[in-house]
Each structure stands twice: as structure tokens, then as C-alpha cells.
Amino acid sequence: MSAAKPSAHPPPGRELAAVLGVIALGGAIGSLLRYQATLIWPNPVGTFPSTVLLVNVVGCLVIGAFMVIITELRTTHHLIRPFVGTGVLGGFTTFSTYSLDILQLVRTGHPGQAIGYLSFTAVGAMVAVFAGMLGMRRLAIAFSWER
């Protein structure tokens, strides 16, 4: 009779706790980074929220590049994706503030800006994800990065 091999992952309860823990830690870091950006480049209520727009687009660019790195280029620890992808980048980008900013623009008499902001953020975020993916793949080819 042979001894059972130890599992590569902790038991399910511990695994869930680890995943939730790294997401929470990453989310706190990402949220603090976003908050710092709004302190450095504040936008008064009722003005075009360019800082949040920039944060969302940059965050999506990084998400695209990050996903290529961890799914195509490198083998990473199983907690890296929830920590960086869901936690840090999820906390950094903010679609709740985006929604509130749209409402504030409408309430302060700027419905055209609200529609522009709504549209540009959605389109800009998608374009940024694809640009991040494409850019990282091109860098990988240029520098012969492989798993």
C-alpha cells in the first residue's frame, strides 16, 4: 500500500480563504492607488471626470497585458490572477464611480458630457484591453518571451 501524495493545493476551505484574502488585499491596494490619482488630479463635482476616465482606461490596458502574461507567457502561482487581476486592477478601475460621475454630470446640467463620458469610457476600456493584449503579444514576439 502506497502513501497518498500531498495535494498541490490546500483543502477547499483554506483555498477559498486564500483567494478571498488576496483579492481583498489587492483590492485595498488598487483602491488606494485610484484614490491617490484623484488626489493628485482632482475633478470637482459636475466637471468632466477625466481622472476616473484615465484610471479606467489605463487599468484596462494593464488588464489586457496582464492576462496575456499569465495565460500565454508565464506559469504563475494560482493566487497571482485573483490578487492582481481581480484585486489590484479591479480595485484600481472603478465602474461604480463612473456611474456616479455620469449621474452627477446629468444632475449638474451636462447631459452631453455624461453621454460622451459614458460612451468614451466603455469604448476606451474595451480598446485598451485589446491594445494591452496585442501590445504584450508583440513584445513577447520581439523579445522571444516564452513559457
C-alpha atoms as a PDB file:
ATOM      1  CA  MET A   1       0.000   0.000   0.000  1.00  0.00           C
ATOM      2  CA  SER A   2       1.468   3.357  -1.019  1.00  0.00           C
ATOM      3  CA  ALA A   3       1.059   6.640   0.815  1.00  0.00           C
ATOM      4  CA  ALA A   4      -1.160   9.241  -0.803  1.00  0.00           C
ATOM      5  CA  LYS A   5       0.613  12.155  -2.458  1.00  0.00           C
ATOM      6  CA  PRO A   6       0.122  15.517  -0.798  1.00  0.00           C
ATOM      7  CA  SER A   7      -2.161  17.860  -2.735  1.00  0.00           C
ATOM      8  CA  ALA A   8      -0.627  20.791  -4.627  1.00  0.00           C
ATOM      9  CA  HIS A   9      -3.434  22.996  -3.306  1.00  0.00           C
ATOM     10  CA  PRO A  10      -4.711  23.383   0.251  1.00  0.00           C
ATOM     11  CA  PRO A  11      -8.100  21.959   1.217  1.00  0.00           C
ATOM     12  CA  PRO A  12     -11.113  23.758  -0.380  1.00  0.00           C
ATOM     13  CA  GLY A  13     -11.947  25.884   2.692  1.00  0.00           C
ATOM     14  CA  ARG A  14      -8.390  27.126   3.013  1.00  0.00           C
ATOM     15  CA  GLU A  15      -8.134  27.683  -0.722  1.00  0.00           C
ATOM     16  CA  LEU A  16     -11.257  29.856  -0.714  1.00  0.00           C
ATOM     17  CA  ALA A  17      -9.930  31.824   2.256  1.00  0.00           C
ATOM     18  CA  ALA A  18      -6.601  32.340   0.471  1.00  0.00           C
ATOM     19  CA  VAL A  19      -8.292  33.524  -2.722  1.00  0.00           C
ATOM     20  CA  LEU A  20     -10.612  35.893  -0.852  1.00  0.00           C
ATOM     21  CA  GLY A  21      -7.698  37.170   1.217  1.00  0.00           C
ATOM     22  CA  VAL A  22      -5.524  38.034  -1.786  1.00  0.00           C
ATOM     23  CA  ILE A  23      -8.482  39.637  -3.582  1.00  0.00           C
ATOM     24  CA  ALA A  24      -9.203  41.797  -0.519  1.00  0.00           C
ATOM     25  CA  LEU A  25      -5.557  42.789  -0.123  1.00  0.00           C
ATOM     26  CA  GLY A  26      -5.208  43.537  -3.830  1.00  0.00           C
ATOM     27  CA  GLY A  27      -8.484  45.456  -3.860  1.00  0.00           C
ATOM     28  CA  ALA A  28      -7.303  47.629  -0.996  1.00  0.00           C
ATOM     29  CA  ILE A  29      -4.052  48.375  -2.828  1.00  0.00           C
ATOM     30  CA  GLY A  30      -5.800  49.140  -6.119  1.00  0.00           C
ATOM     31  CA  SER A  31      -8.417  51.337  -4.451  1.00  0.00           C
ATOM     32  CA  LEU A  32      -5.716  53.302  -2.628  1.00  0.00           C
ATOM     33  CA  LEU A  33      -3.855  53.826  -5.914  1.00  0.00           C
ATOM     34  CA  ARG A  34      -7.041  55.120  -7.565  1.00  0.00           C
ATOM     35  CA  TYR A  35      -7.761  57.376  -4.608  1.00  0.00           C
ATOM     36  CA  GLN A  36      -4.225  58.747  -4.825  1.00  0.00           C
ATOM     37  CA  ALA A  37      -4.787  59.528  -8.510  1.00  0.00           C
ATOM     38  CA  THR A  38      -7.925  61.513  -7.633  1.00  0.00           C
ATOM     39  CA  LEU A  39      -5.959  63.465  -5.021  1.00  0.00           C
ATOM     40  CA  ILE A  40      -3.201  64.285  -7.500  1.00  0.00           C
ATOM     41  CA  TRP A  41      -5.610  65.177 -10.346  1.00  0.00           C
ATOM     42  CA  PRO A  42      -8.916  66.161  -8.706  1.00  0.00           C
ATOM     43  CA  ASN A  43     -12.063  66.811 -10.736  1.00  0.00           C
ATOM     44  CA  PRO A  44     -14.691  68.916  -8.940  1.00  0.00           C
ATOM     45  CA  VAL A  45     -18.249  67.519  -8.903  1.00  0.00           C
ATOM     46  CA  GLY A  46     -20.052  68.427 -12.111  1.00  0.00           C
ATOM     47  CA  THR A  47     -16.889  68.749 -14.212  1.00  0.00           C
ATOM     48  CA  PHE A  48     -15.715  66.177 -16.729  1.00  0.00           C
ATOM     49  CA  PRO A  49     -14.218  63.286 -14.694  1.00  0.00           C
ATOM     50  CA  SER A  50     -11.011  62.929 -16.703  1.00  0.00           C
ATOM     51  CA  THR A  51      -9.071  61.310 -13.845  1.00  0.00           C
ATOM     52  CA  VAL A  52     -11.512  58.422 -13.444  1.00  0.00           C
ATOM     53  CA  LEU A  53     -11.671  58.051 -17.224  1.00  0.00           C
ATOM     54  CA  LEU A  54      -7.875  57.834 -17.386  1.00  0.00           C
ATOM     55  CA  VAL A  55      -7.727  55.407 -14.451  1.00  0.00           C
ATOM     56  CA  ASN A  56     -10.290  53.103 -16.075  1.00  0.00           C
ATOM     57  CA  VAL A  57      -8.594  53.131 -19.480  1.00  0.00           C
ATOM     58  CA  VAL A  58      -5.081  52.638 -18.059  1.00  0.00           C
ATOM     59  CA  GLY A  59      -6.358  49.882 -15.759  1.00  0.00           C
ATOM     60  CA  CYS A  60      -7.952  48.085 -18.703  1.00  0.00           C
ATOM     61  CA  LEU A  61      -4.735  48.406 -20.732  1.00  0.00           C
ATOM     62  CA  VAL A  62      -2.832  46.773 -17.878  1.00  0.00           C
ATOM     63  CA  ILE A  63      -5.520  44.082 -17.501  1.00  0.00           C
ATOM     64  CA  GLY A  64      -5.104  43.148 -21.176  1.00  0.00           C
ATOM     65  CA  ALA A  65      -1.315  42.915 -20.897  1.00  0.00           C
ATOM     66  CA  PHE A  66      -1.521  41.075 -17.571  1.00  0.00           C
ATOM     67  CA  MET A  67      -3.889  38.415 -18.911  1.00  0.00           C
ATOM     68  CA  VAL A  68      -1.537  37.654 -21.802  1.00  0.00           C
ATOM     69  CA  ILE A  69       1.386  37.355 -19.402  1.00  0.00           C
ATOM     70  CA  ILE A  70      -0.329  34.911 -17.052  1.00  0.00           C
ATOM     71  CA  THR A  71      -2.220  32.868 -19.646  1.00  0.00           C
ATOM     72  CA  GLU A  72       0.197  32.789 -22.577  1.00  0.00           C
ATOM     73  CA  LEU A  73       3.701  33.721 -21.459  1.00  0.00           C
ATOM     74  CA  ARG A  74       4.317  32.655 -17.886  1.00  0.00           C
ATOM     75  CA  THR A  75       3.243  29.997 -15.462  1.00  0.00           C
ATOM     76  CA  THR A  76       2.372  31.792 -12.244  1.00  0.00           C
ATOM     77  CA  HIS A  77       1.242  30.924  -8.758  1.00  0.00           C
ATOM     78  CA  HIS A  78      -2.504  30.249  -8.678  1.00  0.00           C
ATOM     79  CA  LEU A  79      -3.120  33.289  -6.434  1.00  0.00           C
ATOM     80  CA  ILE A  80      -1.480  35.829  -8.770  1.00  0.00           C
ATOM     81  CA  ARG A  81      -4.528  36.182 -11.013  1.00  0.00           C
ATOM     82  CA  PRO A  82      -7.023  36.873  -8.202  1.00  0.00           C
ATOM     83  CA  PHE A  83      -4.539  39.166  -6.425  1.00  0.00           C
ATOM     84  CA  VAL A  84      -3.529  41.306  -9.403  1.00  0.00           C
ATOM     85  CA  GLY A  85      -6.424  40.859 -11.833  1.00  0.00           C
ATOM     86  CA  THR A  86      -9.452  40.847  -9.564  1.00  0.00           C
ATOM     87  CA  GLY A  87      -7.907  42.596  -6.573  1.00  0.00           C
ATOM     88  CA  VAL A  88      -5.412  45.291  -7.574  1.00  0.00           C
ATOM     89  CA  LEU A  89      -6.752  46.056 -11.044  1.00  0.00           C
ATOM     90  CA  GLY A  90     -10.376  45.537 -10.027  1.00  0.00           C
ATOM     91  CA  GLY A  91      -9.889  47.961  -7.148  1.00  0.00           C
ATOM     92  CA  PHE A  92      -7.967  50.421  -9.315  1.00  0.00           C
ATOM     93  CA  THR A  93     -10.581  50.592 -12.055  1.00  0.00           C
ATOM     94  CA  THR A  94     -13.928  51.855 -10.893  1.00  0.00           C
ATOM     95  CA  PHE A  95     -17.191  51.481 -12.659  1.00  0.00           C
ATOM     96  CA  SER A  96     -19.163  52.443  -9.568  1.00  0.00           C
ATOM     97  CA  THR A  97     -17.534  55.885  -9.513  1.00  0.00           C
ATOM     98  CA  TYR A  98     -18.011  56.001 -13.290  1.00  0.00           C
ATOM     99  CA  SER A  99     -21.762  55.529 -12.782  1.00  0.00           C
ATOM    100  CA  LEU A 100     -21.882  58.166 -10.055  1.00  0.00           C
ATOM    101  CA  ASP A 101     -19.922  60.608 -12.245  1.00  0.00           C
ATOM    102  CA  ILE A 102     -22.443  60.150 -15.064  1.00  0.00           C
ATOM    103  CA  LEU A 103     -25.297  60.862 -12.660  1.00  0.00           C
ATOM    104  CA  GLN A 104     -23.512  63.961 -11.303  1.00  0.00           C
ATOM    105  CA  LEU A 105     -22.940  65.303 -14.825  1.00  0.00           C
ATOM    106  CA  VAL A 106     -26.637  64.913 -15.624  1.00  0.00           C
ATOM    107  CA  ARG A 107     -27.702  66.482 -12.310  1.00  0.00           C
ATOM    108  CA  THR A 108     -25.433  69.485 -12.853  1.00  0.00           C
ATOM    109  CA  GLY A 109     -26.827  70.168 -16.331  1.00  0.00           C
ATOM    110  CA  HIS A 110     -24.211  68.447 -18.509  1.00  0.00           C
ATOM    111  CA  PRO A 111     -26.109  65.587 -20.190  1.00  0.00           C
ATOM    112  CA  GLY A 112     -23.975  65.793 -23.332  1.00  0.00           C
ATOM    113  CA  GLN A 113     -20.798  65.344 -21.318  1.00  0.00           C
ATOM    114  CA  ALA A 114     -22.447  62.486 -19.432  1.00  0.00           C
ATOM    115  CA  ILE A 115     -23.246  60.663 -22.680  1.00  0.00           C
ATOM    116  CA  GLY A 116     -19.750  61.334 -24.018  1.00  0.00           C
ATOM    117  CA  TYR A 117     -18.150  60.113 -20.807  1.00  0.00           C
ATOM    118  CA  LEU A 118     -20.374  57.029 -20.723  1.00  0.00           C
ATOM    119  CA  SER A 119     -19.547  56.171 -24.331  1.00  0.00           C
ATOM    120  CA  PHE A 120     -15.865  57.011 -24.297  1.00  0.00           C
ATOM    121  CA  THR A 121     -15.216  55.072 -21.100  1.00  0.00           C
ATOM    122  CA  ALA A 122     -16.946  51.940 -22.390  1.00  0.00           C
ATOM    123  CA  VAL A 123     -15.284  52.065 -25.802  1.00  0.00           C
ATOM    124  CA  GLY A 124     -11.950  53.246 -24.390  1.00  0.00           C
ATOM    125  CA  ALA A 125     -11.889  50.417 -21.846  1.00  0.00           C
ATOM    126  CA  MET A 126     -12.512  47.759 -24.495  1.00  0.00           C
ATOM    127  CA  VAL A 127      -9.968  49.244 -26.891  1.00  0.00           C
ATOM    128  CA  ALA A 128      -7.444  49.460 -24.045  1.00  0.00           C
ATOM    129  CA  VAL A 129      -7.882  45.781 -23.111  1.00  0.00           C
ATOM    130  CA  PHE A 130      -7.294  44.718 -26.707  1.00  0.00           C
ATOM    131  CA  ALA A 131      -4.360  47.136 -27.074  1.00  0.00           C
ATOM    132  CA  GLY A 132      -2.794  45.737 -23.898  1.00  0.00           C
ATOM    133  CA  MET A 133      -3.209  42.187 -25.184  1.00  0.00           C
ATOM    134  CA  LEU A 134      -1.873  42.983 -28.641  1.00  0.00           C
ATOM    135  CA  GLY A 135       0.994  45.068 -27.288  1.00  0.00           C
ATOM    136  CA  MET A 136       2.101  42.369 -24.858  1.00  0.00           C
ATOM    137  CA  ARG A 137       1.938  39.694 -27.569  1.00  0.00           C
ATOM    138  CA  ARG A 138       4.071  41.870 -29.855  1.00  0.00           C
ATOM    139  CA  LEU A 139       6.588  42.462 -27.067  1.00  0.00           C
ATOM    140  CA  ALA A 140       6.684  38.725 -26.410  1.00  0.00           C
ATOM    141  CA  ILE A 141       7.445  38.045 -30.069  1.00  0.00           C
ATOM    142  CA  ALA A 142      10.006  40.856 -30.309  1.00  0.00           C
ATOM    143  CA  PHE A 143      11.899  39.638 -27.232  1.00  0.00           C
ATOM    144  CA  SER A 144      11.208  35.910 -27.760  1.00  0.00           C
ATOM    145  CA  TRP A 145       9.499  35.521 -24.390  1.00  0.00           C
ATOM    146  CA  GLU A 146       8.145  32.023 -23.906  1.00  0.00           C
ATOM    147  CA  ARG A 147       6.765  29.967 -21.049  1.00  0.00           C
END
